[in-house]
Amino acid sequence: MAMDETEVIYGTIGEVPMGKYDPNVKYELLNLVSYDGSSYVVHTDPPVGTLPTDEDYWQLSAQGTSKATVSTPGTVKPDGVTTEVDSNGTLSVKTATQSTAGIVKGSEGIKVGEDGSIDINTLFTQATEMANIIAGEAISTALGKIAKSIAVTMGLNENALLKNMLTNMDADDSTKIPTSKFVHKLYERIGMGEDLDIGDNLTAGLNALNSNLTSLTGKFTLETGAQKFVAGYDIANDTVYIQVHVGSGKIYQLAINSNNIKYAKVDNGTWTTLWTK
């Protein structure tokens, strides 16, 4: 059949590649975009912002891989911080440093469990000698020194310092800790040791007080003109007395002690007992 000279040729109809999906573009029929690893083509004009996954407007053209999730496999990419991909496409994990994140491993002082948990390794052997802890040394070494220190402190026979405090307090020795000298001085001051050659101590003070008490006397005096009233006591003679001075050297006295009551008078210095009971 001969071709009609009025026939119109429209050409080939096909998909129009539009690159990566842009939510701000108005897509039309047969527009092809890539989105999330797959490609989609418009089969019905979609409103602006309609995602390619909306099957009312888009049709899947080529299925790619989806992003992996916690429960489904898919495509993952390095985070650039703890993981990286080299020029050959090999994925590797970065090694952690003091200031950057990355993979770590156990060491002599760090123990890694089967489940990946990290714990401080507390296994140690007690040190044989007392020694200071040195900055930067292994944890096991430091723990061994601490254990030795505690053991010595708890063992009185090995702790010369503690034993010296408990058994040699009464010693004026400058090589001992100040506590021993203090206790020794207090021991002397109280008078439990020998009296000091110089200075006062408690023993001497008490002796002096006791001696003075034997001669201690006291009195109360009230005077009115030539007359005087005196009330007093005499510890040495165990006596309490009352005197009335009437003038011209005459004194009348009533004295009371544990043995009797005596009434007497004095005339010009001579006492005369008037009565005794």
Foldseek 3Di string as FASTA:
>chain_A
DDDDPPDDDPDDDAAAEDEADDLQDFDDARYWYDDQFFIKGFHHRDDRRDDLVPVVTIDTDGDGWHPDDPPGDTDDDDPVFQWDADPVRDIDGDDDDPPGDYDDDADPQWDADPVRDIDGDQDAAADPDADDDDPPDHPRVVVNNVVNVVVQVVDLVNVPLVVCVVPPLLDCDPVHPPNSNVVNVVCAQQPVDDDDPDDDGPVVVVVVVVVVQLADKDKDWDDDPQKIWIWIAGNNVQKTKIWIGPHQFKIWMWIDHPPWIWTWIDHPHDIDTPDID
